[in-house]
């Protein structure tokens, strides 16, 4: 999946346990594990907000987009696609 989840990184930086984060966010440790292991298909903005609040971070600290395969798109390639 091109969206990478970096919750483990923030947990380590904050020296926080998964169970503690799950309690602060209001989700089960199992659902947090699904999210942090990249198996989730979606996340609610309210959950993302709670994660950012508990970890004192920005959404971009938890989620990042990773291009998969192929060459990076250039502005020329984008123009051709749009035409």
PDB file of N, CA and C in Angstrom:
ATOM      1  N   UNK A   1       0.856  -1.177   0.000  1.00  0.00           N
ATOM      2  CA  UNK A   1       0.000   0.000   0.000  1.00  0.00           C
ATOM      3  C   UNK A   1       0.897   1.233   0.000  1.00  0.00           C
ATOM      4  N   UNK A   2       0.559   2.248  -0.779  1.00  0.00           N
ATOM      5  CA  UNK A   2       1.426   3.414  -0.865  1.00  0.00           C
ATOM      6  C   UNK A   2       1.387   4.328   0.360  1.00  0.00           C
ATOM      7  N   UNK A   3       0.458   4.144   1.284  1.00  0.00           N
ATOM      8  CA  UNK A   3       0.445   4.933   2.512  1.00  0.00           C
ATOM      9  C   UNK A   3       1.153   4.127   3.599  1.00  0.00           C
ATOM     10  N   UNK A   4       2.228   4.703   4.128  1.00  0.00           N
ATOM     11  CA  UNK A   4       2.996   4.063   5.198  1.00  0.00           C
ATOM     12  C   UNK A   4       2.578   4.679   6.533  1.00  0.00           C
ATOM     13  N   UNK A   5       2.451   3.847   7.551  1.00  0.00           N
ATOM     14  CA  UNK A   5       2.029   4.292   8.881  1.00  0.00           C
ATOM     15  C   UNK A   5       3.230   4.236   9.816  1.00  0.00           C
ATOM     16  N   UNK A   6       3.537   5.362  10.444  1.00  0.00           N
ATOM     17  CA  UNK A   6       4.711   5.473  11.312  1.00  0.00           C
ATOM     18  C   UNK A   6       4.351   5.657  12.779  1.00  0.00           C
ATOM     19  N   UNK A   7       3.289   5.015  13.221  1.00  0.00           N
ATOM     20  CA  UNK A   7       2.893   5.135  14.624  1.00  0.00           C
ATOM     21  C   UNK A   7       3.981   4.569  15.536  1.00  0.00           C
ATOM     22  N   UNK A   8       4.623   3.476  15.127  1.00  0.00           N
ATOM     23  CA  UNK A   8       5.686   2.889  15.945  1.00  0.00           C
ATOM     24  C   UNK A   8       6.815   3.884  16.197  1.00  0.00           C
ATOM     25  N   UNK A   9       7.144   4.670  15.184  1.00  0.00           N
ATOM     26  CA  UNK A   9       8.206   5.667  15.323  1.00  0.00           C
ATOM     27  C   UNK A   9       7.835   6.688  16.389  1.00  0.00           C
ATOM     28  N   UNK A  10       6.603   7.178  16.331  1.00  0.00           N
ATOM     29  CA  UNK A  10       6.172   8.176  17.309  1.00  0.00           C
ATOM     30  C   UNK A  10       6.030   7.572  18.705  1.00  0.00           C
ATOM     31  N   UNK A  11       5.586   6.323  18.778  1.00  0.00           N
ATOM     32  CA  UNK A  11       5.521   5.657  20.085  1.00  0.00           C
ATOM     33  C   UNK A  11       6.908   5.576  20.713  1.00  0.00           C
ATOM     34  N   UNK A  12       7.898   5.229  19.920  1.00  0.00           N
ATOM     35  CA  UNK A  12       9.270   5.135  20.426  1.00  0.00           C
ATOM     36  C   UNK A  12       9.790   6.505  20.852  1.00  0.00           C
ATOM     37  N   UNK A  13       9.529   7.530  20.031  1.00  0.00           N
ATOM     38  CA  UNK A  13       9.984   8.880  20.374  1.00  0.00           C
ATOM     39  C   UNK A  13       9.360   9.374  21.667  1.00  0.00           C
ATOM     40  N   UNK A  14       8.106   9.008  21.890  1.00  0.00           N
ATOM     41  CA  UNK A  14       7.390   9.458  23.093  1.00  0.00           C
ATOM     42  C   UNK A  14       7.543   8.485  24.270  1.00  0.00           C
ATOM     43  N   UNK A  15       8.236   7.373  24.013  1.00  0.00           N
ATOM     44  CA  UNK A  15       8.419   6.332  25.042  1.00  0.00           C
ATOM     45  C   UNK A  15       7.073   5.930  25.648  1.00  0.00           C
ATOM     46  N   UNK A  16       6.152   5.624  24.745  1.00  0.00           N
ATOM     47  CA  UNK A  16       4.788   5.272  25.138  1.00  0.00           C
ATOM     48  C   UNK A  16       4.476   3.859  24.685  1.00  0.00           C
ATOM     49  N   UNK A  17       3.743   3.123  25.501  1.00  0.00           N
ATOM     50  CA  UNK A  17       3.329   1.760  25.169  1.00  0.00           C
ATOM     51  C   UNK A  17       2.067   1.792  24.309  1.00  0.00           C
ATOM     52  N   UNK A  18       1.885   0.752  23.512  1.00  0.00           N
ATOM     53  CA  UNK A  18       0.715   0.645  22.636  1.00  0.00           C
ATOM     54  C   UNK A  18      -0.577   0.695  23.457  1.00  0.00           C
ATOM     55  N   UNK A  19      -0.611  -0.008  24.557  1.00  0.00           N
ATOM     56  CA  UNK A  19      -1.804  -0.028  25.400  1.00  0.00           C
ATOM     57  C   UNK A  19      -2.154   1.336  25.951  1.00  0.00           C
ATOM     58  N   UNK A  20      -1.141   2.086  26.340  1.00  0.00           N
ATOM     59  CA  UNK A  20      -1.366   3.440  26.853  1.00  0.00           C
ATOM     60  C   UNK A  20      -1.937   4.345  25.761  1.00  0.00           C
ATOM     61  N   UNK A  21      -1.371   4.244  24.547  1.00  0.00           N
ATOM     62  CA  UNK A  21      -1.883   5.040  23.435  1.00  0.00           C
ATOM     63  C   UNK A  21      -3.323   4.654  23.107  1.00  0.00           C
ATOM     64  N   UNK A  22      -3.602   3.359  23.063  1.00  0.00           N
ATOM     65  CA  UNK A  22      -4.963   2.898  22.772  1.00  0.00           C
ATOM     66  C   UNK A  22      -5.948   3.463  23.787  1.00  0.00           C
ATOM     67  N   UNK A  23      -5.576   3.467  25.071  1.00  0.00           N
ATOM     68  CA  UNK A  23      -6.450   4.017  26.112  1.00  0.00           C
ATOM     69  C   UNK A  23      -6.683   5.511  25.900  1.00  0.00           C
ATOM     70  N   UNK A  24      -5.622   6.251  25.595  1.00  0.00           N
ATOM     71  CA  UNK A  24      -5.753   7.699  25.412  1.00  0.00           C
ATOM     72  C   UNK A  24      -6.596   8.043  24.188  1.00  0.00           C
ATOM     73  N   UNK A  25      -6.476   7.224  23.141  1.00  0.00           N
ATOM     74  CA  UNK A  25      -7.201   7.485  21.898  1.00  0.00           C
ATOM     75  C   UNK A  25      -8.647   6.994  21.975  1.00  0.00           C
ATOM     76  N   UNK A  26      -8.879   5.960  22.779  1.00  0.00           N
ATOM     77  CA  UNK A  26     -10.226   5.407  22.905  1.00  0.00           C
ATOM     78  C   UNK A  26     -10.531   4.319  21.900  1.00  0.00           C
ATOM     79  N   UNK A  27      -9.485   3.578  21.480  1.00  0.00           N
ATOM     80  CA  UNK A  27      -9.679   2.423  20.601  1.00  0.00           C
ATOM     81  C   UNK A  27      -9.050   1.211  21.255  1.00  0.00           C
ATOM     82  N   UNK A  28      -9.409   0.040  20.773  1.00  0.00           N
ATOM     83  CA  UNK A  28      -8.856  -1.179  21.356  1.00  0.00           C
ATOM     84  C   UNK A  28      -7.407  -1.353  20.899  1.00  0.00           C
ATOM     85  N   UNK A  29      -6.591  -2.019  21.709  1.00  0.00           N
ATOM     86  CA  UNK A  29      -5.215  -2.313  21.284  1.00  0.00           C
ATOM     87  C   UNK A  29      -5.180  -3.110  19.972  1.00  0.00           C
ATOM     88  N   UNK A  30      -6.170  -3.975  19.759  1.00  0.00           N
ATOM     89  CA  UNK A  30      -6.222  -4.756  18.513  1.00  0.00           C
ATOM     90  C   UNK A  30      -6.439  -3.840  17.307  1.00  0.00           C
ATOM     91  N   UNK A  31      -7.347  -2.874  17.427  1.00  0.00           N
ATOM     92  CA  UNK A  31      -7.583  -1.946  16.321  1.00  0.00           C
ATOM     93  C   UNK A  31      -6.385  -1.035  16.098  1.00  0.00           C
ATOM     94  N   UNK A  32      -5.700  -0.655  17.163  1.00  0.00           N
ATOM     95  CA  UNK A  32      -4.489   0.143  17.020  1.00  0.00           C
ATOM     96  C   UNK A  32      -3.406  -0.672  16.315  1.00  0.00           C
ATOM     97  N   UNK A  33      -3.310  -1.959  16.629  1.00  0.00           N
ATOM     98  CA  UNK A  33      -2.338  -2.829  15.965  1.00  0.00           C
ATOM     99  C   UNK A  33      -2.624  -2.934  14.467  1.00  0.00           C
ATOM    100  N   UNK A  34      -3.886  -3.046  14.092  1.00  0.00           N
ATOM    101  CA  UNK A  34      -4.262  -3.097  12.676  1.00  0.00           C
ATOM    102  C   UNK A  34      -3.804  -1.815  11.979  1.00  0.00           C
ATOM    103  N   UNK A  35      -4.014  -0.686  12.627  1.00  0.00           N
ATOM    104  CA  UNK A  35      -3.620   0.591  12.049  1.00  0.00           C
ATOM    105  C   UNK A  35      -2.107   0.721  11.961  1.00  0.00           C
ATOM    106  N   UNK A  36      -1.404   0.430  13.047  1.00  0.00           N
ATOM    107  CA  UNK A  36       0.045   0.644  13.049  1.00  0.00           C
ATOM    108  C   UNK A  36       0.804  -0.357  12.191  1.00  0.00           C
ATOM    109  N   UNK A  37       0.206  -1.495  11.909  1.00  0.00           N
ATOM    110  CA  UNK A  37       0.855  -2.482  11.049  1.00  0.00           C
ATOM    111  C   UNK A  37       0.509  -2.295   9.573  1.00  0.00           C
ATOM    112  N   UNK A  38      -0.230  -1.235   9.273  1.00  0.00           N
ATOM    113  CA  UNK A  38      -0.533  -0.912   7.888  1.00  0.00           C
ATOM    114  C   UNK A  38      -1.605  -1.774   7.255  1.00  0.00           C
ATOM    115  N   UNK A  39      -2.398  -2.458   8.060  1.00  0.00           N
ATOM    116  CA  UNK A  39      -3.456  -3.310   7.516  1.00  0.00           C
ATOM    117  C   UNK A  39      -4.806  -2.626   7.454  1.00  0.00           C
ATOM    118  N   UNK A  40      -4.900  -1.408   7.994  1.00  0.00           N
ATOM    119  CA  UNK A  40      -6.174  -0.679   7.977  1.00  0.00           C
ATOM    120  C   UNK A  40      -6.457  -0.167   6.574  1.00  0.00           C
ATOM    121  N   UNK A  41      -7.699  -0.154   6.188  1.00  0.00           N
ATOM    122  CA  UNK A  41      -8.106   0.349   4.879  1.00  0.00           C
ATOM    123  C   UNK A  41      -8.545   1.808   4.965  1.00  0.00           C
ATOM    124  N   UNK A  42      -8.811   2.291   6.171  1.00  0.00           N
ATOM    125  CA  UNK A  42      -9.273   3.665   6.356  1.00  0.00           C
ATOM    126  C   UNK A  42      -9.003   4.082   7.794  1.00  0.00           C
ATOM    127  N   UNK A  43      -9.036   5.388   8.022  1.00  0.00           N
ATOM    128  CA  UNK A  43      -8.946   5.929   9.378  1.00  0.00           C
ATOM    129  C   UNK A  43      -9.882   7.125   9.464  1.00  0.00           C
ATOM    130  N   UNK A  44     -10.605   7.222  10.542  1.00  0.00           N
ATOM    131  CA  UNK A  44     -11.491   8.364  10.744  1.00  0.00           C
ATOM    132  C   UNK A  44     -10.654   9.567  11.154  1.00  0.00           C
ATOM    133  N   UNK A  45     -11.082  10.736  10.722  1.00  0.00           N
ATOM    134  CA  UNK A  45     -10.375  11.947  11.112  1.00  0.00           C
ATOM    135  C   UNK A  45     -10.388  12.131  12.625  1.00  0.00           C
ATOM    136  N   UNK A  46     -11.454  11.720  13.292  1.00  0.00           N
ATOM    137  CA  UNK A  46     -11.506  11.847  14.751  1.00  0.00           C
ATOM    138  C   UNK A  46     -10.447  10.966  15.406  1.00  0.00           C
ATOM    139  N   UNK A  47     -10.204   9.781  14.841  1.00  0.00           N
ATOM    140  CA  UNK A  47      -9.159   8.894  15.365  1.00  0.00           C
ATOM    141  C   UNK A  47      -7.793   9.484  15.091  1.00  0.00           C
ATOM    142  N   UNK A  48      -7.584  10.008  13.891  1.00  0.00           N
ATOM    143  CA  UNK A  48      -6.311  10.641  13.555  1.00  0.00           C
ATOM    144  C   UNK A  48      -6.059  11.838  14.471  1.00  0.00           C
ATOM    145  N   UNK A  49      -7.090  12.621  14.708  1.00  0.00           N
ATOM    146  CA  UNK A  49      -6.962  13.765  15.618  1.00  0.00           C
ATOM    147  C   UNK A  49      -6.580  13.309  17.024  1.00  0.00           C
ATOM    148  N   UNK A  50      -7.226  12.251  17.513  1.00  0.00           N
ATOM    149  CA  UNK A  50      -6.924  11.740  18.850  1.00  0.00           C
ATOM    150  C   UNK A  50      -5.498  11.198  18.927  1.00  0.00           C
ATOM    151  N   UNK A  51      -5.041  10.526  17.858  1.00  0.00           N
ATOM    152  CA  UNK A  51      -3.661  10.039  17.821  1.00  0.00           C
ATOM    153  C   UNK A  51      -2.672  11.207  17.873  1.00  0.00           C
ATOM    154  N   UNK A  52      -2.939  12.233  17.078  1.00  0.00           N
ATOM    155  CA  UNK A  52      -2.056  13.403  17.064  1.00  0.00           C
ATOM    156  C   UNK A  52      -2.048  14.104  18.417  1.00  0.00           C
ATOM    157  N   UNK A  53      -3.195  14.187  19.054  1.00  0.00           N
ATOM    158  CA  UNK A  53      -3.284  14.808  20.371  1.00  0.00           C
ATOM    159  C   UNK A  53      -2.493  14.004  21.399  1.00  0.00           C
ATOM    160  N   UNK A  54      -2.694  12.693  21.415  1.00  0.00           N
ATOM    161  CA  UNK A  54      -2.020  11.837  22.395  1.00  0.00           C
ATOM    162  C   UNK A  54      -0.511  11.803  22.188  1.00  0.00           C
ATOM    163  N   UNK A  55      -0.083  11.861  20.921  1.00  0.00           N
ATOM    164  CA  UNK A  55       1.350  11.774  20.617  1.00  0.00           C
ATOM    165  C   UNK A  55       1.991  13.150  20.403  1.00  0.00           C
ATOM    166  N   UNK A  56       1.188  14.216  20.513  1.00  0.00           N
ATOM    167  CA  UNK A  56       1.666  15.580  20.320  1.00  0.00           C
ATOM    168  C   UNK A  56       2.442  15.704  19.011  1.00  0.00           C
ATOM    169  N   UNK A  57       1.734  15.386  17.910  1.00  0.00           N
ATOM    170  CA  UNK A  57       2.380  15.401  16.597  1.00  0.00           C
ATOM    171  C   UNK A  57       1.397  15.854  15.534  1.00  0.00           C
ATOM    172  N   UNK A  58       1.855  15.921  14.309  1.00  0.00           N
ATOM    173  CA  UNK A  58       1.040  16.279  13.156  1.00  0.00           C
ATOM    174  C   UNK A  58       0.671  15.003  12.388  1.00  0.00           C
ATOM    175  N   UNK A  59      -0.412  15.022  11.595  1.00  0.00           N
ATOM    176  CA  UNK A  59      -0.782  13.838  10.813  1.00  0.00           C
ATOM    177  C   UNK A  59       0.364  13.335   9.928  1.00  0.00           C
ATOM    178  N   UNK A  60       1.165  14.248   9.400  1.00  0.00           N
ATOM    179  CA  UNK A  60       2.294  13.855   8.557  1.00  0.00           C
ATOM    180  C   UNK A  60       3.387  13.123   9.311  1.00  0.00           C
ATOM    181  N   UNK A  61       3.377  13.210  10.643  1.00  0.00           N
ATOM    182  CA  UNK A  61       4.328  12.437  11.446  1.00  0.00           C
ATOM    183  C   UNK A  61       3.896  10.976  11.548  1.00  0.00           C
ATOM    184  N   UNK A  62       2.623  10.711  11.296  1.00  0.00           N
ATOM    185  CA  UNK A  62       2.070   9.359  11.425  1.00  0.00           C
ATOM    186  C   UNK A  62       1.849   8.670  10.087  1.00  0.00           C
ATOM    187  N   UNK A  63       1.572   9.448   9.056  1.00  0.00           N
ATOM    188  CA  UNK A  63       1.243   8.896   7.742  1.00  0.00           C
ATOM    189  C   UNK A  63       2.124   9.529   6.679  1.00  0.00           C
ATOM    190  N   UNK A  64       2.592   8.721   5.748  1.00  0.00           N
ATOM    191  CA  UNK A  64       3.339   9.264   4.615  1.00  0.00           C
ATOM    192  C   UNK A  64       3.018   8.447   3.382  1.00  0.00           C
ATOM    193  N   UNK A  65       3.055   9.122   2.260  1.00  0.00           N
ATOM    194  CA  UNK A  65       2.764   8.499   0.976  1.00  0.00           C
ATOM    195  C   UNK A  65       4.061   8.038   0.350  1.00  0.00           C
ATOM    196  N   UNK A  66       4.087   6.814  -0.138  1.00  0.00           N
ATOM    197  CA  UNK A  66       5.258   6.214  -0.763  1.00  0.00           C
ATOM    198  C   UNK A  66       4.875   5.807  -2.174  1.00  0.00           C
ATOM    199  N   UNK A  67       5.525   6.394  -3.169  1.00  0.00           N
ATOM    200  CA  UNK A  67       5.239   6.040  -4.558  1.00  0.00           C
ATOM    201  C   UNK A  67       5.621   4.575  -4.779  1.00  0.00           C
ATOM    202  N   UNK A  68       4.785   3.845  -5.499  1.00  0.00           N
ATOM    203  CA  UNK A  68       5.071   2.444  -5.793  1.00  0.00           C
ATOM    204  C   UNK A  68       5.384   2.268  -7.257  1.00  0.00           C
ATOM    205  N   UNK A  69       6.514   1.659  -7.559  1.00  0.00           N
ATOM    206  CA  UNK A  69       6.893   1.315  -8.926  1.00  0.00           C
ATOM    207  C   UNK A  69       6.962   2.487  -9.884  1.00  0.00           C
ATOM    208  N   UNK A  70       7.538   2.229 -11.029  1.00  0.00           N
ATOM    209  CA  UNK A  70       7.572   3.226 -12.092  1.00  0.00           C
ATOM    210  C   UNK A  70       8.457   4.410 -11.790  1.00  0.00           C
ATOM    211  N   UNK A  71       8.528   5.297 -12.744  1.00  0.00           N
ATOM    212  CA  UNK A  71       9.320   6.507 -12.625  1.00  0.00           C
ATOM    213  C   UNK A  71       8.505   7.588 -11.927  1.00  0.00           C
ATOM    214  N   UNK A  72       9.189   8.498 -11.241  1.00  0.00           N
ATOM    215  CA  UNK A  72       8.462   9.623 -10.648  1.00  0.00           C
ATOM    216  C   UNK A  72       7.786  10.438 -11.742  1.00  0.00           C
ATOM    217  N   UNK A  73       6.599  10.938 -11.444  1.00  0.00           N
ATOM    218  CA  UNK A  73       5.875  11.748 -12.418  1.00  0.00           C
ATOM    219  C   UNK A  73       6.510  13.130 -12.481  1.00  0.00           C
ATOM    220  N   UNK A  74       6.628  13.634 -13.680  1.00  0.00           N
ATOM    221  CA  UNK A  74       7.127  14.986 -13.890  1.00  0.00           C
ATOM    222  C   UNK A  74       5.957  15.879 -14.236  1.00  0.00           C
ATOM    223  N   UNK A  75       6.204  17.163 -14.253  1.00  0.00           N
ATOM    224  CA  UNK A  75       5.116  18.072 -14.633  1.00  0.00           C
ATOM    225  C   UNK A  75       4.669  17.785 -16.067  1.00  0.00           C
ATOM    226  N   UNK A  76       5.593  17.361 -16.943  1.00  0.00           N
ATOM    227  CA  UNK A  76       5.242  17.011 -18.322  1.00  0.00           C
ATOM    228  C   UNK A  76       4.306  15.799 -18.340  1.00  0.00           C
ATOM    229  N   UNK A  77       4.627  14.795 -17.522  1.00  0.00           N
ATOM    230  CA  UNK A  77       3.783  13.602 -17.456  1.00  0.00           C
ATOM    231  C   UNK A  77       2.397  13.915 -16.925  1.00  0.00           C
ATOM    232  N   UNK A  78       2.319  14.826 -15.982  1.00  0.00           N
ATOM    233  CA  UNK A  78       1.024  15.224 -15.448  1.00  0.00           C
ATOM    234  C   UNK A  78       0.203  15.965 -16.481  1.00  0.00           C
ATOM    235  N   UNK A  79       0.862  16.817 -17.284  1.00  0.00           N
ATOM    236  CA  UNK A  79       0.171  17.561 -18.327  1.00  0.00           C
ATOM    237  C   UNK A  79      -0.402  16.612 -19.368  1.00  0.00           C
ATOM    238  N   UNK A  80       0.365  15.587 -19.724  1.00  0.00           N
ATOM    239  CA  UNK A  80      -0.096  14.644 -20.735  1.00  0.00           C
ATOM    240  C   UNK A  80      -1.290  13.848 -20.231  1.00  0.00           C
ATOM    241  N   UNK A  81      -1.281  13.506 -18.964  1.00  0.00           N
ATOM    242  CA  UNK A  81      -2.377  12.754 -18.384  1.00  0.00           C
ATOM    243  C   UNK A  81      -3.652  13.573 -18.360  1.00  0.00           C
ATOM    244  N   UNK A  82      -3.511  14.861 -18.086  1.00  0.00           N
ATOM    245  CA  UNK A  82      -4.685  15.720 -17.959  1.00  0.00           C
ATOM    246  C   UNK A  82      -5.325  16.034 -19.300  1.00  0.00           C
ATOM    247  N   UNK A  83      -4.586  15.935 -20.399  1.00  0.00           N
ATOM    248  CA  UNK A  83      -5.127  16.300 -21.715  1.00  0.00           C
ATOM    249  C   UNK A  83      -6.062  15.269 -22.271  1.00  0.00           C
TER     250      UNK A  83
END
